[in-house]
N, C-alpha and C. Protein backbone atom coordinates (compact mmCIF):
# COMPACT_ATOMS: atom_id res chain seq x y z
N MET A 1 70.92 113.77 112.51
CA MET A 1 72.18 112.96 112.18
C MET A 1 73.08 113.74 111.17
N SER A 2 74.35 113.61 111.57
CA SER A 2 75.30 114.30 110.77
C SER A 2 75.64 113.46 109.36
N ARG A 3 76.21 114.35 108.70
CA ARG A 3 76.51 113.66 107.16
C ARG A 3 77.85 112.94 107.35
N TYR A 4 77.88 111.96 106.67
CA TYR A 4 79.16 111.18 106.44
C TYR A 4 80.20 112.19 105.89
N GLU A 5 81.47 112.23 106.36
CA GLU A 5 82.52 113.00 105.93
C GLU A 5 83.49 112.19 105.31
N PRO A 6 83.76 112.47 103.97
CA PRO A 6 84.70 111.59 103.10
C PRO A 6 86.12 111.35 104.09
N LEU A 7 86.69 110.22 104.25
CA LEU A 7 88.02 110.04 105.02
C LEU A 7 89.16 110.52 104.34
N PHE A 8 89.13 110.26 102.84
CA PHE A 8 90.28 110.51 102.28
C PHE A 8 90.18 111.57 101.29
N ALA A 9 89.29 112.66 101.62
CA ALA A 9 89.11 113.93 100.67
C ALA A 9 90.44 114.38 100.56
N GLY A 10 90.86 114.78 99.22
CA GLY A 10 91.99 115.42 98.72
C GLY A 10 93.23 114.31 98.54
N LEU A 11 92.83 113.14 98.72
CA LEU A 11 93.86 111.96 98.58
C LEU A 11 93.38 110.91 97.49
N VAL A 12 92.41 111.09 96.88
CA VAL A 12 91.85 110.34 95.79
C VAL A 12 92.07 111.02 94.37
N PHE A 13 92.38 110.18 93.43
CA PHE A 13 92.81 110.66 92.04
C PHE A 13 92.38 109.60 91.31
N ASN A 14 92.11 110.10 89.83
CA ASN A 14 91.63 109.12 88.80
C ASN A 14 93.07 108.48 88.30
N GLU A 15 92.73 107.59 87.24
CA GLU A 15 93.95 106.92 86.75
C GLU A 15 94.69 107.92 85.85
N GLY A 16 94.25 108.98 85.53
CA GLY A 16 95.21 110.10 84.92
C GLY A 16 95.87 111.18 85.78
N GLY A 17 95.66 110.68 87.20
CA GLY A 17 96.36 111.78 88.03
C GLY A 17 95.51 113.00 88.46
N GLU A 18 94.32 113.03 87.86
CA GLU A 18 93.56 114.20 88.31
C GLU A 18 92.82 114.08 89.79
N SER A 19 92.61 114.93 90.40
CA SER A 19 91.93 114.92 91.74
C SER A 19 90.72 114.66 91.69
N ALA A 20 90.27 113.81 92.70
CA ALA A 20 88.50 113.54 92.62
C ALA A 20 88.08 114.20 93.77
N GLU A 21 87.45 115.27 93.51
CA GLU A 21 87.04 116.30 94.53
C GLU A 21 85.75 115.56 95.35
N SER A 22 85.88 115.93 96.77
CA SER A 22 84.91 115.49 97.57
C SER A 22 83.80 116.53 97.39
N VAL A 23 82.47 115.88 97.12
CA VAL A 23 81.21 116.83 97.05
C VAL A 23 80.17 116.12 97.77
N TYR A 24 79.07 116.96 97.86
CA TYR A 24 77.75 116.29 98.24
C TYR A 24 76.60 116.43 97.25
N VAL A 25 75.99 115.35 96.98
CA VAL A 25 75.12 115.34 96.12
C VAL A 25 73.73 115.02 96.99
N GLY A 26 72.90 116.26 97.49
CA GLY A 26 71.95 115.98 98.36
C GLY A 26 72.83 115.84 99.75
N ASP A 27 72.45 114.89 100.54
CA ASP A 27 73.03 114.69 101.73
C ASP A 27 74.02 113.53 101.71
N GLU A 28 74.28 113.09 100.26
CA GLU A 28 75.28 112.01 100.27
C GLU A 28 76.66 112.60 99.89
N ALA A 29 77.79 112.06 100.68
CA ALA A 29 79.15 112.38 100.25
C ALA A 29 79.44 111.50 99.18
N CYS A 30 80.01 112.27 98.41
CA CYS A 30 80.72 111.54 97.08
C CYS A 30 82.05 111.94 96.61
N TYR A 31 82.81 111.21 95.91
CA TYR A 31 83.87 111.75 95.33
C TYR A 31 83.63 111.92 93.87
N ALA A 32 83.82 113.11 93.34
CA ALA A 32 83.45 113.42 91.88
C ALA A 32 84.99 113.17 91.06
N ILE A 33 84.70 112.07 90.44
CA ILE A 33 85.99 111.23 89.51
C ILE A 33 85.85 111.92 88.10
N PRO A 34 86.81 112.70 87.80
CA PRO A 34 86.94 113.23 86.35
C PRO A 34 87.25 112.13 85.23
N GLU A 35 86.53 111.93 84.29
CA GLU A 35 86.95 111.08 83.12
C GLU A 35 86.56 111.68 82.09
N GLU A 36 87.46 112.21 81.15
CA GLU A 36 87.41 112.82 79.94
C GLU A 36 86.72 114.13 80.23
N ASP A 37 85.56 114.46 79.75
CA ASP A 37 84.86 115.82 80.10
C ASP A 37 83.62 115.30 81.00
N PHE A 38 83.64 114.44 81.74
CA PHE A 38 82.53 114.12 82.65
C PHE A 38 82.93 113.92 84.09
N LEU A 39 82.23 114.19 85.11
CA LEU A 39 82.34 113.90 86.45
C LEU A 39 81.59 112.74 86.77
N TYR A 40 82.11 111.64 87.17
CA TYR A 40 81.20 110.43 87.77
C TYR A 40 81.34 110.78 89.58
N HIS A 41 80.03 110.74 89.89
CA HIS A 41 79.80 110.85 91.27
C HIS A 41 79.68 109.44 91.78
N VAL A 42 80.45 108.99 92.88
CA VAL A 42 80.53 107.66 93.47
C VAL A 42 80.45 108.05 94.99
N GLU A 43 79.57 107.06 95.69
CA GLU A 43 79.45 107.48 97.09
C GLU A 43 80.97 107.29 97.88
N ALA A 44 81.10 108.21 98.64
CA ALA A 44 82.33 108.24 99.25
C ALA A 44 82.50 107.13 100.25
N ILE A 45 81.39 106.87 100.93
CA ILE A 45 81.67 105.59 101.68
C ILE A 45 81.90 104.14 101.09
N GLU A 46 81.64 104.03 99.94
CA GLU A 46 82.17 102.86 99.28
C GLU A 46 83.53 102.83 98.79
N VAL A 47 83.90 103.98 98.29
CA VAL A 47 85.34 104.20 98.09
C VAL A 47 86.22 104.10 99.41
N ASP A 48 85.93 104.68 100.45
CA ASP A 48 86.60 104.69 101.55
C ASP A 48 86.48 103.29 102.31
N ARG A 49 85.69 102.74 102.09
CA ARG A 49 85.46 101.23 102.55
C ARG A 49 86.64 100.43 101.98
N GLN A 50 86.69 100.59 100.62
CA GLN A 50 87.83 99.70 99.78
C GLN A 50 89.09 100.11 100.21
N ILE A 51 89.34 101.45 100.41
CA ILE A 51 90.67 101.96 100.76
C ILE A 51 91.06 101.38 102.33
N VAL A 52 89.99 101.42 103.18
CA VAL A 52 90.36 100.92 104.52
C VAL A 52 90.54 99.22 104.43
N GLN A 53 89.92 98.65 103.83
CA GLN A 53 90.24 97.17 103.44
C GLN A 53 91.43 97.01 102.94
N ARG A 54 91.79 97.62 102.12
CA ARG A 54 93.47 97.64 101.29
C ARG A 54 94.43 97.86 102.38
N LEU A 55 94.14 98.91 103.16
CA LEU A 55 95.13 99.31 104.17
C LEU A 55 95.13 98.16 105.22
N LYS A 56 94.05 97.76 105.57
CA LYS A 56 93.95 96.64 106.73
C LYS A 56 94.70 95.56 106.22
N GLU A 57 94.39 95.04 104.99
CA GLU A 57 95.18 94.03 104.44
C GLU A 57 96.65 93.94 104.55
N ARG A 58 97.08 95.28 104.12
CA ARG A 58 98.54 95.48 104.28
C ARG A 58 99.18 95.43 105.60
N PHE A 59 98.43 96.12 106.58
CA PHE A 59 98.97 96.25 107.99
C PHE A 59 98.90 94.98 108.56
N LEU A 60 97.73 94.18 108.36
CA LEU A 60 97.79 92.90 108.98
C LEU A 60 98.86 91.74 108.40
N ALA A 61 99.22 92.02 107.27
CA ALA A 61 100.39 91.34 106.74
C ALA A 61 101.77 91.63 107.47
N MET A 62 101.65 92.92 108.06
CA MET A 62 103.26 93.17 108.81
C MET A 62 102.63 93.59 110.30
N LYS A 63 101.56 92.78 110.69
CA LYS A 63 101.17 93.08 112.24
C LYS A 63 102.14 93.04 113.18
N ASP A 64 102.99 91.99 113.17
CA ASP A 64 103.97 92.08 114.28
C ASP A 64 104.98 92.95 114.31
N THR A 65 105.42 93.57 113.23
CA THR A 65 106.42 94.59 113.06
C THR A 65 105.58 95.99 113.55
N LEU A 66 104.45 96.23 113.22
CA LEU A 66 103.64 97.39 113.52
C LEU A 66 103.27 97.32 115.15
N VAL A 67 102.95 96.30 115.37
CA VAL A 67 102.45 96.23 116.83
C VAL A 67 103.65 96.46 117.78
N ASP A 68 104.92 95.91 117.32
CA ASP A 68 106.13 95.99 118.22
C ASP A 68 106.58 97.58 118.07
N ALA A 69 106.32 98.12 116.91
CA ALA A 69 106.87 99.67 116.58
C ALA A 69 105.86 100.62 117.83
N VAL A 70 104.55 100.05 117.56
CA VAL A 70 103.60 100.96 118.44
C VAL A 70 104.00 100.78 119.98
N MET A 71 104.28 99.63 120.38
CA MET A 71 104.55 99.18 121.71
C MET A 71 105.78 100.05 122.09
N GLN A 72 106.69 99.97 121.38
CA GLN A 72 107.99 100.86 121.66
C GLN A 72 107.82 102.19 121.64
N MET A 73 107.16 102.86 120.78
CA MET A 73 106.70 104.39 120.76
C MET A 73 105.83 104.71 121.93
N THR A 74 104.94 103.75 122.56
CA THR A 74 104.28 104.00 123.58
C THR A 74 104.85 103.74 125.09
N GLY A 75 105.99 103.13 124.91
CA GLY A 75 106.62 102.67 125.99
C GLY A 75 106.02 101.56 126.81
N SER A 76 105.20 100.78 126.28
CA SER A 76 104.30 99.60 126.86
C SER A 76 105.04 98.51 126.47
N ASP A 77 104.84 97.62 127.32
CA ASP A 77 105.27 96.25 127.16
C ASP A 77 104.28 95.18 127.85
N ASP A 78 103.09 95.53 128.25
CA ASP A 78 102.25 94.54 128.78
C ASP A 78 101.56 93.94 127.83
N PRO A 79 100.89 92.74 127.88
CA PRO A 79 100.13 91.96 127.04
C PRO A 79 98.72 92.56 126.58
N PHE A 80 98.23 93.40 127.66
CA PHE A 80 96.94 94.08 127.47
C PHE A 80 97.08 95.13 126.32
N SER A 81 98.12 95.74 126.34
CA SER A 81 98.36 96.80 125.41
C SER A 81 98.55 96.22 124.00
N ARG A 82 99.26 95.23 124.11
CA ARG A 82 99.65 94.39 122.69
C ARG A 82 98.30 94.03 122.09
N ALA A 83 97.25 93.42 122.98
CA ALA A 83 96.08 92.87 122.81
C ALA A 83 95.21 94.11 121.97
N ALA A 84 95.25 95.18 122.81
CA ALA A 84 94.44 96.25 122.30
C ALA A 84 95.10 96.79 120.93
N ILE A 85 96.20 96.98 120.55
CA ILE A 85 96.68 97.33 119.34
C ILE A 85 96.46 96.40 118.34
N VAL A 86 96.40 95.01 118.42
CA VAL A 86 96.20 94.03 117.64
C VAL A 86 94.64 94.05 117.28
N ARG A 87 93.76 94.26 118.24
CA ARG A 87 92.40 94.35 117.99
C ARG A 87 92.21 95.72 117.18
N SER A 88 92.85 96.69 117.48
CA SER A 88 92.62 97.91 116.59
C SER A 88 92.81 97.67 115.18
N LEU A 89 93.86 96.89 114.93
CA LEU A 89 94.21 96.65 113.46
C LEU A 89 93.28 95.77 112.98
N GLU A 90 92.75 94.72 113.54
CA GLU A 90 91.92 93.78 113.10
C GLU A 90 90.44 94.46 112.88
N ASN A 91 90.21 95.46 113.48
CA ASN A 91 89.01 96.13 113.37
C ASN A 91 89.03 97.47 112.77
N MET A 92 89.88 97.65 111.93
CA MET A 92 90.22 99.22 111.15
C MET A 92 88.95 99.82 110.60
N GLU A 93 87.94 98.88 109.99
CA GLU A 93 86.88 99.24 109.40
C GLU A 93 85.93 100.12 110.35
N GLN A 94 86.10 100.05 111.64
CA GLN A 94 85.15 100.86 112.48
C GLN A 94 85.58 102.41 112.30
N ILE A 95 86.71 102.82 111.70
CA ILE A 95 87.12 104.13 111.51
C ILE A 95 86.12 104.83 110.64
N LEU A 96 85.31 103.99 109.77
CA LEU A 96 84.14 104.42 108.91
C LEU A 96 82.98 104.97 109.65
N GLU A 97 82.77 104.57 110.92
CA GLU A 97 81.62 105.04 111.58
C GLU A 97 82.08 106.03 112.61
N ALA A 98 83.26 106.22 112.91
CA ALA A 98 83.83 107.17 113.84
C ALA A 98 83.95 108.72 113.15
N ARG A 99 83.16 109.62 113.68
CA ARG A 99 82.94 110.85 113.38
C ARG A 99 84.36 111.72 113.63
N GLY A 100 84.87 112.33 112.49
CA GLY A 100 86.22 112.83 112.88
C GLY A 100 87.53 112.04 113.14
N ALA A 101 87.39 110.78 112.52
CA ALA A 101 88.49 109.75 112.78
C ALA A 101 89.71 110.18 111.97
N VAL A 102 89.45 110.98 110.87
CA VAL A 102 90.59 111.43 110.05
C VAL A 102 90.38 113.21 109.96
N THR A 103 91.30 113.50 110.65
CA THR A 103 91.29 115.18 110.70
C THR A 103 91.98 115.74 109.30
N GLU A 104 91.69 117.07 109.11
CA GLU A 104 92.31 117.76 108.15
C GLU A 104 94.00 117.67 108.28
N ASP A 105 94.39 117.80 109.53
CA ASP A 105 95.81 117.64 109.88
C ASP A 105 96.42 116.27 109.50
N MET A 106 95.64 115.12 109.63
CA MET A 106 95.95 113.83 109.27
C MET A 106 96.16 113.79 107.82
N ARG A 107 94.91 114.31 107.05
CA ARG A 107 95.02 114.22 105.59
C ARG A 107 96.21 115.13 105.12
N LEU A 108 96.43 116.24 105.54
CA LEU A 108 97.66 116.84 105.16
C LEU A 108 98.84 116.11 105.34
N GLY A 109 99.07 115.58 106.51
CA GLY A 109 100.14 114.67 106.80
C GLY A 109 100.31 113.53 105.82
N LEU A 110 99.11 112.70 105.64
CA LEU A 110 99.16 111.80 104.56
C LEU A 110 99.62 112.33 103.27
N TRP A 111 98.94 113.42 102.77
CA TRP A 111 99.36 114.11 101.49
C TRP A 111 100.85 114.42 101.52
N MET A 112 101.37 114.93 102.46
CA MET A 112 102.86 115.40 102.47
C MET A 112 103.59 114.11 102.53
N THR A 113 103.29 113.06 102.86
CA THR A 113 103.97 111.66 102.73
C THR A 113 103.99 111.11 101.51
N GLY A 114 102.90 111.65 100.56
CA GLY A 114 102.88 110.91 99.31
C GLY A 114 101.80 109.93 99.31
N PHE A 115 101.00 109.65 100.20
CA PHE A 115 99.82 108.82 100.20
C PHE A 115 99.00 109.14 99.17
N ARG A 116 98.39 108.29 98.24
CA ARG A 116 97.53 108.67 97.49
C ARG A 116 96.70 107.43 97.08
N VAL A 117 95.38 107.56 96.65
CA VAL A 117 94.50 106.50 96.21
C VAL A 117 94.22 106.70 94.59
N ILE A 118 94.23 105.66 93.89
CA ILE A 118 93.93 105.70 92.48
C ILE A 118 92.71 104.99 92.27
N VAL A 119 91.80 105.56 91.65
CA VAL A 119 90.48 104.81 91.33
C VAL A 119 90.08 105.00 90.00
N ASN A 120 89.24 104.03 89.46
CA ASN A 120 88.71 104.24 88.04
C ASN A 120 87.57 104.92 88.08
N PHE A 121 86.98 105.41 86.98
CA PHE A 121 85.82 106.21 87.07
C PHE A 121 84.30 105.72 87.71
N ARG A 122 84.61 104.44 88.04
CA ARG A 122 83.51 103.73 88.70
C ARG A 122 83.62 103.59 90.29
N GLY A 123 84.74 104.33 90.64
CA GLY A 123 84.92 104.20 92.15
C GLY A 123 85.87 103.02 92.75
N GLU A 124 86.31 102.22 91.64
CA GLU A 124 86.88 101.03 92.08
C GLU A 124 88.32 101.25 92.46
N VAL A 125 88.99 101.05 93.49
CA VAL A 125 90.23 101.26 94.04
C VAL A 125 91.13 100.56 93.03
N VAL A 126 92.13 101.18 92.32
CA VAL A 126 93.05 100.55 91.55
C VAL A 126 94.58 100.40 92.09
N HIS A 127 94.84 101.37 92.90
CA HIS A 127 96.37 101.40 93.43
C HIS A 127 96.08 102.26 94.85
N VAL A 128 96.56 101.84 95.86
CA VAL A 128 96.98 102.69 97.04
C VAL A 128 98.57 102.83 97.26
N GLU A 129 98.93 104.11 97.09
CA GLU A 129 100.25 104.33 97.18
C GLU A 129 100.57 104.70 98.71
N VAL A 130 101.14 103.96 99.42
CA VAL A 130 101.72 104.24 100.67
C VAL A 130 103.12 104.23 100.73
N PRO A 131 103.84 105.38 100.75
CA PRO A 131 105.22 105.40 100.53
C PRO A 131 105.91 104.95 101.94
N GLY A 132 106.99 104.03 101.84
CA GLY A 132 107.60 103.79 102.85
C GLY A 132 107.20 102.21 103.34
N LEU A 133 105.96 101.69 102.77
CA LEU A 133 105.57 100.55 102.98
C LEU A 133 105.98 99.45 101.81
N ASP A 134 106.70 98.50 102.10
CA ASP A 134 107.06 97.44 101.08
C ASP A 134 106.77 97.47 99.67
N GLY A 135 107.15 98.83 99.14
CA GLY A 135 107.08 98.77 97.58
C GLY A 135 105.70 99.30 97.33
N THR A 136 105.33 98.93 96.17
CA THR A 136 103.97 99.39 95.69
C THR A 136 103.01 98.03 95.74
N GLU A 137 101.66 98.44 95.59
CA GLU A 137 100.62 97.57 95.63
C GLU A 137 100.04 97.57 94.13
N GLU A 138 99.56 96.21 93.84
CA GLU A 138 98.82 96.30 92.50
C GLU A 138 97.51 96.44 92.74
């Protein structure tokens, strides 16, 4: 069985702006979150699950706009494509089980756009910055 690969490696930061490195403790993928002179190791799957849930909530709030944009980008206008796109949004958490769902190129692209996640030392998501989407999130 292959190890879980952190989805948002390189995109997670502590509240002071320091990067939370992606590391393994045994076979467990973790984010090593710096806090003063200590590194708190939090399971990556738990942090990633919170991030995906936050993103899902934001995307579902603007579902019609996103679906229309994807339909236009793909050149589709049939109801089956629309339903598939909606289903993908509603089931975003499946990305957590998909191996290789987020590639290094995708992470680099997210980083370049300014996407970043702020967590506290316990690994609780404090803020998700998604530039270009309706301002900021609390």
